[in-house]
Amino acid sequence: MPSKRKWRVSLKSAHEKSGLTGYAVAKQTGLSESTVHRYINDDFVLMKNLAPAAKILADFYGVDWRDSDIVEVVLEEDNGESAPEIKTPALVPTM
């Protein structure tokens, strides 16, 4: 059965360490407030495609987006169940 790749992005911890508000991050990065809040309000964001905003925010917070603590590739079976395999972004094609 073919699998689907999803990106799991975790930036909440990096944001909390910055001590900044979501509004301040949005102003300094040029991203919309809603985009910033999508990444900082939850422990992680699961998405079909790795959005450029994830890399912009990782760079802003001074973390490497290729670090598996920040971005993981999760393979899911077609039936929606997560496969046990998780790959780091360094092992898959980049954006």
PDB file of N, CA and C in Angstrom:
ATOM      1  N   MET A   1       0.834  -1.180   0.000  1.00  0.00           N
ATOM      2  CA  MET A   1       0.000   0.000   0.000  1.00  0.00           C
ATOM      3  C   MET A   1       0.885   1.253   0.000  1.00  0.00           C
ATOM      4  N   PRO A   2       0.643   2.193  -0.909  1.00  0.00           N
ATOM      5  CA  PRO A   2       1.469   3.402  -0.933  1.00  0.00           C
ATOM      6  C   PRO A   2       1.255   4.240   0.320  1.00  0.00           C
ATOM      7  N   SER A   3       2.270   4.985   0.663  1.00  0.00           N
ATOM      8  CA  SER A   3       2.155   5.842   1.840  1.00  0.00           C
ATOM      9  C   SER A   3       2.166   7.305   1.419  1.00  0.00           C
ATOM     10  N   LYS A   4       1.620   8.141   2.276  1.00  0.00           N
ATOM     11  CA  LYS A   4       1.592   9.581   2.048  1.00  0.00           C
ATOM     12  C   LYS A   4       2.548  10.230   3.030  1.00  0.00           C
ATOM     13  N   ARG A   5       3.256  11.223   2.554  1.00  0.00           N
ATOM     14  CA  ARG A   5       4.206  11.931   3.410  1.00  0.00           C
ATOM     15  C   ARG A   5       3.534  13.175   3.979  1.00  0.00           C
ATOM     16  N   LYS A   6       3.717  13.381   5.268  1.00  0.00           N
ATOM     17  CA  LYS A   6       3.252  14.598   5.933  1.00  0.00           C
ATOM     18  C   LYS A   6       4.413  15.164   6.736  1.00  0.00           C
ATOM     19  N   TRP A   7       4.373  16.453   6.947  1.00  0.00           N
ATOM     20  CA  TRP A   7       5.409  17.158   7.685  1.00  0.00           C
ATOM     21  C   TRP A   7       4.869  17.517   9.054  1.00  0.00           C
ATOM     22  N   ARG A   8       5.630  17.196  10.084  1.00  0.00           N
ATOM     23  CA  ARG A   8       5.260  17.522  11.469  1.00  0.00           C
ATOM     24  C   ARG A   8       6.233  18.608  11.944  1.00  0.00           C
ATOM     25  N   VAL A   9       5.735  19.819  12.125  1.00  0.00           N
ATOM     26  CA  VAL A   9       6.569  20.978  12.466  1.00  0.00           C
ATOM     27  C   VAL A   9       6.310  21.381  13.914  1.00  0.00           C
ATOM     28  N   SER A  10       7.372  21.466  14.701  1.00  0.00           N
ATOM     29  CA  SER A  10       7.272  21.825  16.123  1.00  0.00           C
ATOM     30  C   SER A  10       8.098  23.078  16.407  1.00  0.00           C
ATOM     31  N   LEU A  11       7.426  24.207  16.498  1.00  0.00           N
ATOM     32  CA  LEU A  11       8.120  25.478  16.751  1.00  0.00           C
ATOM     33  C   LEU A  11       7.661  26.166  18.030  1.00  0.00           C
ATOM     34  N   LYS A  12       6.709  25.579  18.738  1.00  0.00           N
ATOM     35  CA  LYS A  12       6.171  26.207  19.944  1.00  0.00           C
ATOM     36  C   LYS A  12       7.271  26.444  20.986  1.00  0.00           C
ATOM     37  N   SER A  13       8.102  25.448  21.225  1.00  0.00           N
ATOM     38  CA  SER A  13       9.165  25.564  22.229  1.00  0.00           C
ATOM     39  C   SER A  13      10.165  26.657  21.847  1.00  0.00           C
ATOM     40  N   ALA A  14      10.553  26.690  20.568  1.00  0.00           N
ATOM     41  CA  ALA A  14      11.494  27.723  20.112  1.00  0.00           C
ATOM     42  C   ALA A  14      10.884  29.109  20.282  1.00  0.00           C
ATOM     43  N   HIS A  15       9.589  29.215  20.019  1.00  0.00           N
ATOM     44  CA  HIS A  15       8.914  30.504  20.189  1.00  0.00           C
ATOM     45  C   HIS A  15       8.901  30.915  21.657  1.00  0.00           C
ATOM     46  N   GLU A  16       8.563  29.984  22.532  1.00  0.00           N
ATOM     47  CA  GLU A  16       8.500  30.309  23.959  1.00  0.00           C
ATOM     48  C   GLU A  16       9.854  30.777  24.482  1.00  0.00           C
ATOM     49  N   LYS A  17      10.931  30.183  23.990  1.00  0.00           N
ATOM     50  CA  LYS A  17      12.279  30.593  24.408  1.00  0.00           C
ATOM     51  C   LYS A  17      12.614  32.006  23.939  1.00  0.00           C
ATOM     52  N   SER A  18      11.984  32.448  22.844  1.00  0.00           N
ATOM     53  CA  SER A  18      12.276  33.779  22.314  1.00  0.00           C
ATOM     54  C   SER A  18      11.738  34.880  23.220  1.00  0.00           C
ATOM     55  N   GLY A  19      10.658  34.590  23.951  1.00  0.00           N
ATOM     56  CA  GLY A  19      10.062  35.593  24.826  1.00  0.00           C
ATOM     57  C   GLY A  19       9.258  36.652  24.090  1.00  0.00           C
ATOM     58  N   LEU A  20       9.062  36.472  22.802  1.00  0.00           N
ATOM     59  CA  LEU A  20       8.328  37.446  21.995  1.00  0.00           C
ATOM     60  C   LEU A  20       6.857  37.071  21.882  1.00  0.00           C
ATOM     61  N   THR A  21       6.055  38.047  21.534  1.00  0.00           N
ATOM     62  CA  THR A  21       4.648  37.767  21.249  1.00  0.00           C
ATOM     63  C   THR A  21       4.523  37.310  19.800  1.00  0.00           C
ATOM     64  N   GLY A  22       3.423  36.651  19.492  1.00  0.00           N
ATOM     65  CA  GLY A  22       3.162  36.265  18.107  1.00  0.00           C
ATOM     66  C   GLY A  22       3.088  37.474  17.197  1.00  0.00           C
ATOM     67  N   TYR A  23       2.522  38.561  17.715  1.00  0.00           N
ATOM     68  CA  TYR A  23       2.427  39.803  16.959  1.00  0.00           C
ATOM     69  C   TYR A  23       3.817  40.330  16.593  1.00  0.00           C
ATOM     70  N   ALA A  24       4.731  40.325  17.568  1.00  0.00           N
ATOM     71  CA  ALA A  24       6.094  40.817  17.312  1.00  0.00           C
ATOM     72  C   ALA A  24       6.800  39.949  16.277  1.00  0.00           C
ATOM     73  N   VAL A  25       6.617  38.649  16.366  1.00  0.00           N
ATOM     74  CA  VAL A  25       7.242  37.738  15.396  1.00  0.00           C
ATOM     75  C   VAL A  25       6.676  38.000  14.003  1.00  0.00           C
ATOM     76  N   ALA A  26       5.369  38.189  13.918  1.00  0.00           N
ATOM     77  CA  ALA A  26       4.746  38.470  12.622  1.00  0.00           C
ATOM     78  C   ALA A  26       5.313  39.755  12.018  1.00  0.00           C
ATOM     79  N   LYS A  27       5.419  40.790  12.821  1.00  0.00           N
ATOM     80  CA  LYS A  27       5.955  42.061  12.332  1.00  0.00           C
ATOM     81  C   LYS A  27       7.406  41.923  11.856  1.00  0.00           C
ATOM     82  N   GLN A  28       8.212  41.196  12.612  1.00  0.00           N
ATOM     83  CA  GLN A  28       9.638  41.079  12.286  1.00  0.00           C
ATOM     84  C   GLN A  28       9.909  40.132  11.116  1.00  0.00           C
ATOM     85  N   THR A  29       9.029  39.160  10.887  1.00  0.00           N
ATOM     86  CA  THR A  29       9.252  38.200   9.799  1.00  0.00           C
ATOM     87  C   THR A  29       8.490  38.552   8.538  1.00  0.00           C
ATOM     88  N   GLY A  30       7.476  39.416   8.652  1.00  0.00           N
ATOM     89  CA  GLY A  30       6.649  39.741   7.492  1.00  0.00           C
ATOM     90  C   GLY A  30       5.550  38.719   7.239  1.00  0.00           C
ATOM     91  N   LEU A  31       5.413  37.732   8.119  1.00  0.00           N
ATOM     92  CA  LEU A  31       4.345  36.742   8.002  1.00  0.00           C
ATOM     93  C   LEU A  31       3.079  37.287   8.649  1.00  0.00           C
ATOM     94  N   SER A  32       1.941  36.751   8.273  1.00  0.00           N
ATOM     95  CA  SER A  32       0.694  37.192   8.900  1.00  0.00           C
ATOM     96  C   SER A  32       0.626  36.652  10.324  1.00  0.00           C
ATOM     97  N   GLU A  33      -0.126  37.348  11.159  1.00  0.00           N
ATOM     98  CA  GLU A  33      -0.286  36.901  12.548  1.00  0.00           C
ATOM     99  C   GLU A  33      -0.919  35.517  12.611  1.00  0.00           C
ATOM    100  N   SER A  34      -1.885  35.260  11.746  1.00  0.00           N
ATOM    101  CA  SER A  34      -2.552  33.951  11.771  1.00  0.00           C
ATOM    102  C   SER A  34      -1.578  32.828  11.409  1.00  0.00           C
ATOM    103  N   THR A  35      -0.671  33.086  10.488  1.00  0.00           N
ATOM    104  CA  THR A  35       0.338  32.081  10.133  1.00  0.00           C
ATOM    105  C   THR A  35       1.255  31.810  11.318  1.00  0.00           C
ATOM    106  N   VAL A  36       1.732  32.859  11.957  1.00  0.00           N
ATOM    107  CA  VAL A  36       2.612  32.698  13.115  1.00  0.00           C
ATOM    108  C   VAL A  36       1.893  31.934  14.213  1.00  0.00           C
ATOM    109  N   HIS A  37       0.669  32.310  14.503  1.00  0.00           N
ATOM    110  CA  HIS A  37      -0.078  31.662  15.584  1.00  0.00           C
ATOM    111  C   HIS A  37      -0.362  30.189  15.281  1.00  0.00           C
ATOM    112  N   ARG A  38      -0.491  29.851  14.010  1.00  0.00           N
ATOM    113  CA  ARG A  38      -0.698  28.447  13.641  1.00  0.00           C
ATOM    114  C   ARG A  38       0.481  27.594  14.122  1.00  0.00           C
ATOM    115  N   TYR A  39       1.676  28.127  14.060  1.00  0.00           N
ATOM    116  CA  TYR A  39       2.879  27.374  14.437  1.00  0.00           C
ATOM    117  C   TYR A  39       3.205  27.452  15.932  1.00  0.00           C
ATOM    118  N   ILE A  40       2.751  28.499  16.619  1.00  0.00           N
ATOM    119  CA  ILE A  40       3.194  28.678  18.012  1.00  0.00           C
ATOM    120  C   ILE A  40       2.149  28.302  19.058  1.00  0.00           C
ATOM    121  N   ASN A  41       0.902  28.099  18.652  1.00  0.00           N
ATOM    122  CA  ASN A  41      -0.137  27.792  19.628  1.00  0.00           C
ATOM    123  C   ASN A  41      -0.216  26.320  20.005  1.00  0.00           C
ATOM    124  N   ASP A  42       0.203  25.434  19.137  1.00  0.00           N
ATOM    125  CA  ASP A  42       0.121  24.004  19.394  1.00  0.00           C
ATOM    126  C   ASP A  42       1.524  23.405  19.464  1.00  0.00           C
ATOM    127  N   ASP A  43       1.617  22.227  20.072  1.00  0.00           N
ATOM    128  CA  ASP A  43       2.918  21.571  20.185  1.00  0.00           C
ATOM    129  C   ASP A  43       3.509  21.251  18.816  1.00  0.00           C
ATOM    130  N   PHE A  44       2.652  20.967  17.840  1.00  0.00           N
ATOM    131  CA  PHE A  44       3.130  20.726  16.483  1.00  0.00           C
ATOM    132  C   PHE A  44       2.025  21.005  15.480  1.00  0.00           C
ATOM    133  N   VAL A  45       2.435  21.185  14.226  1.00  0.00           N
ATOM    134  CA  VAL A  45       1.516  21.372  13.108  1.00  0.00           C
ATOM    135  C   VAL A  45       1.795  20.239  12.137  1.00  0.00           C
ATOM    136  N   LEU A  46       0.751  19.559  11.680  1.00  0.00           N
ATOM    137  CA  LEU A  46       0.883  18.482  10.708  1.00  0.00           C
ATOM    138  C   LEU A  46       0.354  18.991   9.381  1.00  0.00           C
ATOM    139  N   MET A  47       1.178  18.940   8.331  1.00  0.00           N
ATOM    140  CA  MET A  47       0.769  19.489   7.045  1.00  0.00           C
ATOM    141  C   MET A  47       1.188  18.589   5.893  1.00  0.00           C
ATOM    142  N   LYS A  48       0.481  18.712   4.773  1.00  0.00           N
ATOM    143  CA  LYS A  48       0.784  17.906   3.589  1.00  0.00           C
ATOM    144  C   LYS A  48       2.065  18.366   2.910  1.00  0.00           C
ATOM    145  N   ASN A  49       2.285  19.656   2.885  1.00  0.00           N
ATOM    146  CA  ASN A  49       3.472  20.231   2.252  1.00  0.00           C
ATOM    147  C   ASN A  49       4.186  21.115   3.266  1.00  0.00           C
ATOM    148  N   LEU A  50       5.490  21.082   3.234  1.00  0.00           N
ATOM    149  CA  LEU A  50       6.265  21.927   4.137  1.00  0.00           C
ATOM    150  C   LEU A  50       6.217  23.355   3.608  1.00  0.00           C
ATOM    151  N   ALA A  51       5.523  24.209   4.324  1.00  0.00           N
ATOM    152  CA  ALA A  51       5.341  25.593   3.899  1.00  0.00           C
ATOM    153  C   ALA A  51       6.612  26.404   4.117  1.00  0.00           C
ATOM    154  N   PRO A  52       6.895  27.360   3.223  1.00  0.00           N
ATOM    155  CA  PRO A  52       8.049  28.241   3.413  1.00  0.00           C
ATOM    156  C   PRO A  52       8.029  28.958   4.764  1.00  0.00           C
ATOM    157  N   ALA A  53       6.844  29.216   5.304  1.00  0.00           N
ATOM    158  CA  ALA A  53       6.734  29.900   6.597  1.00  0.00           C
ATOM    159  C   ALA A  53       7.427  29.110   7.699  1.00  0.00           C
ATOM    160  N   ALA A  54       7.414  27.792   7.619  1.00  0.00           N
ATOM    161  CA  ALA A  54       8.071  26.965   8.638  1.00  0.00           C
ATOM    162  C   ALA A  54       9.573  27.233   8.646  1.00  0.00           C
ATOM    163  N   LYS A  55      10.183  27.339   7.471  1.00  0.00           N
ATOM    164  CA  LYS A  55      11.617  27.618   7.396  1.00  0.00           C
ATOM    165  C   LYS A  55      11.914  29.055   7.828  1.00  0.00           C
ATOM    166  N   ILE A  56      11.072  29.993   7.433  1.00  0.00           N
ATOM    167  CA  ILE A  56      11.253  31.390   7.840  1.00  0.00           C
ATOM    168  C   ILE A  56      11.231  31.499   9.364  1.00  0.00           C
ATOM    169  N   LEU A  57      10.261  30.853   9.992  1.00  0.00           N
ATOM    170  CA  LEU A  57      10.162  30.914  11.450  1.00  0.00           C
ATOM    171  C   LEU A  57      11.323  30.190  12.123  1.00  0.00           C
ATOM    172  N   ALA A  58      11.725  29.046  11.582  1.00  0.00           N
ATOM    173  CA  ALA A  58      12.865  28.327  12.163  1.00  0.00           C
ATOM    174  C   ALA A  58      14.118  29.199  12.100  1.00  0.00           C
ATOM    175  N   ASP A  59      14.346  29.829  10.968  1.00  0.00           N
ATOM    176  CA  ASP A  59      15.501  30.729  10.832  1.00  0.00           C
ATOM    177  C   ASP A  59      15.393  31.890  11.825  1.00  0.00           C
ATOM    178  N   PHE A  60      14.216  32.459  11.956  1.00  0.00           N
ATOM    179  CA  PHE A  60      14.002  33.572  12.871  1.00  0.00           C
ATOM    180  C   PHE A  60      14.323  33.178  14.311  1.00  0.00           C
ATOM    181  N   TYR A  61      13.892  31.990  14.719  1.00  0.00           N
ATOM    182  CA  TYR A  61      14.131  31.516  16.088  1.00  0.00           C
ATOM    183  C   TYR A  61      15.545  30.961  16.278  1.00  0.00           C
ATOM    184  N   GLY A  62      16.310  30.884  15.200  1.00  0.00           N
ATOM    185  CA  GLY A  62      17.695  30.408  15.307  1.00  0.00           C
ATOM    186  C   GLY A  62      17.812  28.904  15.468  1.00  0.00           C
ATOM    187  N   VAL A  63      16.825  28.162  14.945  1.00  0.00           N
ATOM    188  CA  VAL A  63      16.882  26.705  14.990  1.00  0.00           C
ATOM    189  C   VAL A  63      16.985  26.176  13.563  1.00  0.00           C
ATOM    190  N   ASP A  64      17.549  24.992  13.431  1.00  0.00           N
ATOM    191  CA  ASP A  64      17.722  24.378  12.119  1.00  0.00           C
ATOM    192  C   ASP A  64      16.462  23.602  11.758  1.00  0.00           C
ATOM    193  N   TRP A  65      15.795  23.990  10.693  1.00  0.00           N
ATOM    194  CA  TRP A  65      14.550  23.328  10.310  1.00  0.00           C
ATOM    195  C   TRP A  65      14.770  21.872   9.950  1.00  0.00           C
ATOM    196  N   ARG A  66      16.011  21.475   9.662  1.00  0.00           N
ATOM    197  CA  ARG A  66      16.304  20.073   9.332  1.00  0.00           C
ATOM    198  C   ARG A  66      16.478  19.212  10.573  1.00  0.00           C
ATOM    199  N   ASP A  67      16.512  19.831  11.751  1.00  0.00           N
ATOM    200  CA  ASP A  67      16.614  19.107  13.018  1.00  0.00           C
ATOM    201  C   ASP A  67      15.316  18.329  13.237  1.00  0.00           C
ATOM    202  N   SER A  68      15.425  17.053  13.563  1.00  0.00           N
ATOM    203  CA  SER A  68      14.227  16.220  13.719  1.00  0.00           C
ATOM    204  C   SER A  68      13.359  16.652  14.897  1.00  0.00           C
ATOM    205  N   ASP A  69      13.896  17.464  15.814  1.00  0.00           N
ATOM    206  CA  ASP A  69      13.064  18.013  16.886  1.00  0.00           C
ATOM    207  C   ASP A  69      12.173  19.142  16.372  1.00  0.00           C
ATOM    208  N   ILE A  70      12.535  19.716  15.240  1.00  0.00           N
ATOM    209  CA  ILE A  70      11.790  20.824  14.654  1.00  0.00           C
ATOM    210  C   ILE A  70      10.860  20.324  13.543  1.00  0.00           C
ATOM    211  N   VAL A  71      11.402  19.562  12.603  1.00  0.00           N
ATOM    212  CA  VAL A  71      10.613  19.053  11.480  1.00  0.00           C
ATOM    213  C   VAL A  71      10.861  17.561  11.318  1.00  0.00           C
ATOM    214  N   GLU A  72       9.785  16.807  11.236  1.00  0.00           N
ATOM    215  CA  GLU A  72       9.865  15.375  10.970  1.00  0.00           C
ATOM    216  C   GLU A  72       8.982  15.055   9.778  1.00  0.00           C
ATOM    217  N   VAL A  73       9.374  14.047   9.032  1.00  0.00           N
ATOM    218  CA  VAL A  73       8.535  13.540   7.961  1.00  0.00           C
ATOM    219  C   VAL A  73       7.843  12.301   8.485  1.00  0.00           C
ATOM    220  N   VAL A  74       6.526  12.318   8.444  1.00  0.00           N
ATOM    221  CA  VAL A  74       5.740  11.195   8.936  1.00  0.00           C
ATOM    222  C   VAL A  74       5.090  10.533   7.734  1.00  0.00           C
ATOM    223  N   LEU A  75       5.297   9.242   7.600  1.00  0.00           N
ATOM    224  CA  LEU A  75       4.678   8.498   6.511  1.00  0.00           C
ATOM    225  C   LEU A  75       3.405   7.858   7.023  1.00  0.00           C
ATOM    226  N   GLU A  76       2.311   8.060   6.281  1.00  0.00           N
ATOM    227  CA  GLU A  76       1.023   7.489   6.657  1.00  0.00           C
ATOM    228  C   GLU A  76       0.562   6.542   5.560  1.00  0.00           C
ATOM    229  N   GLU A  77      -0.078   5.468   5.963  1.00  0.00           N
ATOM    230  CA  GLU A  77      -0.675   4.549   5.004  1.00  0.00           C
ATOM    231  C   GLU A  77      -1.907   5.216   4.401  1.00  0.00           C
ATOM    232  N   ASP A  78      -2.343   4.738   3.244  1.00  0.00           N
ATOM    233  CA  ASP A  78      -3.515   5.310   2.582  1.00  0.00           C
ATOM    234  C   ASP A  78      -4.769   5.264   3.434  1.00  0.00           C
ATOM    235  N   ASN A  79      -4.849   4.315   4.376  1.00  0.00           N
ATOM    236  CA  ASN A  79      -6.034   4.225   5.220  1.00  0.00           C
ATOM    237  C   ASN A  79      -6.005   5.252   6.352  1.00  0.00           C
ATOM    238  N   GLY A  80      -4.972   6.110   6.398  1.00  0.00           N
ATOM    239  CA  GLY A  80      -4.889   7.175   7.381  1.00  0.00           C
ATOM    240  C   GLY A  80      -4.139   6.809   8.640  1.00  0.00           C
ATOM    241  N   GLU A  81      -3.763   5.561   8.800  1.00  0.00           N
ATOM    242  CA  GLU A  81      -3.017   5.153   9.986  1.00  0.00           C
ATOM    243  C   GLU A  81      -1.548   5.511   9.818  1.00  0.00           C
ATOM    244  N   SER A  82      -0.950   6.005  10.861  1.00  0.00           N
ATOM    245  CA  SER A  82       0.464   6.363  10.800  1.00  0.00           C
ATOM    246  C   SER A  82       1.316   5.112  10.743  1.00  0.00           C
ATOM    247  N   ALA A  83       2.243   5.111   9.838  1.00  0.00           N
ATOM    248  CA  ALA A  83       3.216   4.032   9.769  1.00  0.00           C
ATOM    249  C   ALA A  83       4.272   4.302  10.824  1.00  0.00           C
ATOM    250  N   PRO A  84       4.968   3.306  11.281  1.00  0.00           N
ATOM    251  CA  PRO A  84       5.974   3.531  12.318  1.00  0.00           C
ATOM    252  C   PRO A  84       7.201   4.289  11.829  1.00  0.00           C
ATOM    253  N   GLU A  85       7.310   4.483  10.531  1.00  0.00           N
ATOM    254  CA  GLU A  85       8.518   5.089   9.986  1.00  0.00           C
ATOM    255  C   GLU A  85       8.437   6.610   9.989  1.00  0.00           C
ATOM    256  N   ILE A  86       9.434   7.235  10.573  1.00  0.00           N
ATOM    257  CA  ILE A  86       9.569   8.695  10.551  1.00  0.00           C
ATOM    258  C   ILE A  86      10.961   8.979  10.007  1.00  0.00           C
ATOM    259  N   LYS A  87      11.042   9.851   9.027  1.00  0.00           N
ATOM    260  CA  LYS A  87      12.331  10.208   8.451  1.00  0.00           C
ATOM    261  C   LYS A  87      12.639  11.660   8.760  1.00  0.00           C
ATOM    262  N   THR A  88      13.904  11.968   8.887  1.00  0.00           N
ATOM    263  CA  THR A  88      14.295  13.358   9.079  1.00  0.00           C
ATOM    264  C   THR A  88      14.340  14.033   7.735  1.00  0.00           C
ATOM    265  N   PRO A  89      14.130  15.339   7.677  1.00  0.00           N
ATOM    266  CA  PRO A  89      14.137  16.045   6.392  1.00  0.00           C
ATOM    267  C   PRO A  89      15.436  15.895   5.614  1.00  0.00           C
ATOM    268  N   ALA A  90      16.544  15.637   6.271  1.00  0.00           N
ATOM    269  CA  ALA A  90      17.811  15.482   5.570  1.00  0.00           C
ATOM    270  C   ALA A  90      17.791  14.241   4.673  1.00  0.00           C
ATOM    271  N   LEU A  91      16.879  13.316   4.909  1.00  0.00           N
ATOM    272  CA  LEU A  91      16.811  12.083   4.151  1.00  0.00           C
ATOM    273  C   LEU A  91      15.789  12.120   3.020  1.00  0.00           C
ATOM    274  N   VAL A  92      15.088  13.227   2.874  1.00  0.00           N
ATOM    275  CA  VAL A  92      14.077  13.366   1.828  1.00  0.00           C
ATOM    276  C   VAL A  92      14.356  14.644   1.054  1.00  0.00           C
ATOM    277  N   PRO A  93      13.756  14.774  -0.123  1.00  0.00           N
ATOM    278  CA  PRO A  93      13.971  16.004  -0.905  1.00  0.00           C
ATOM    279  C   PRO A  93      13.553  17.239  -0.106  1.00  0.00           C
ATOM    280  N   THR A  94      14.306  18.328  -0.286  1.00  0.00           N
ATOM    281  CA  THR A  94      13.999  19.568   0.423  1.00  0.00           C
ATOM    282  C   THR A  94      12.972  20.362  -0.347  1.00  0.00           C
ATOM    283  N   MET A  95      12.542  21.463   0.268  1.00  0.00           N
ATOM    284  CA  MET A  95      11.467  22.304  -0.293  1.00  0.00           C
ATOM    285  C   MET A  95      11.757  22.716  -1.701  1.00  0.00           C
TER     286      MET A  95
END
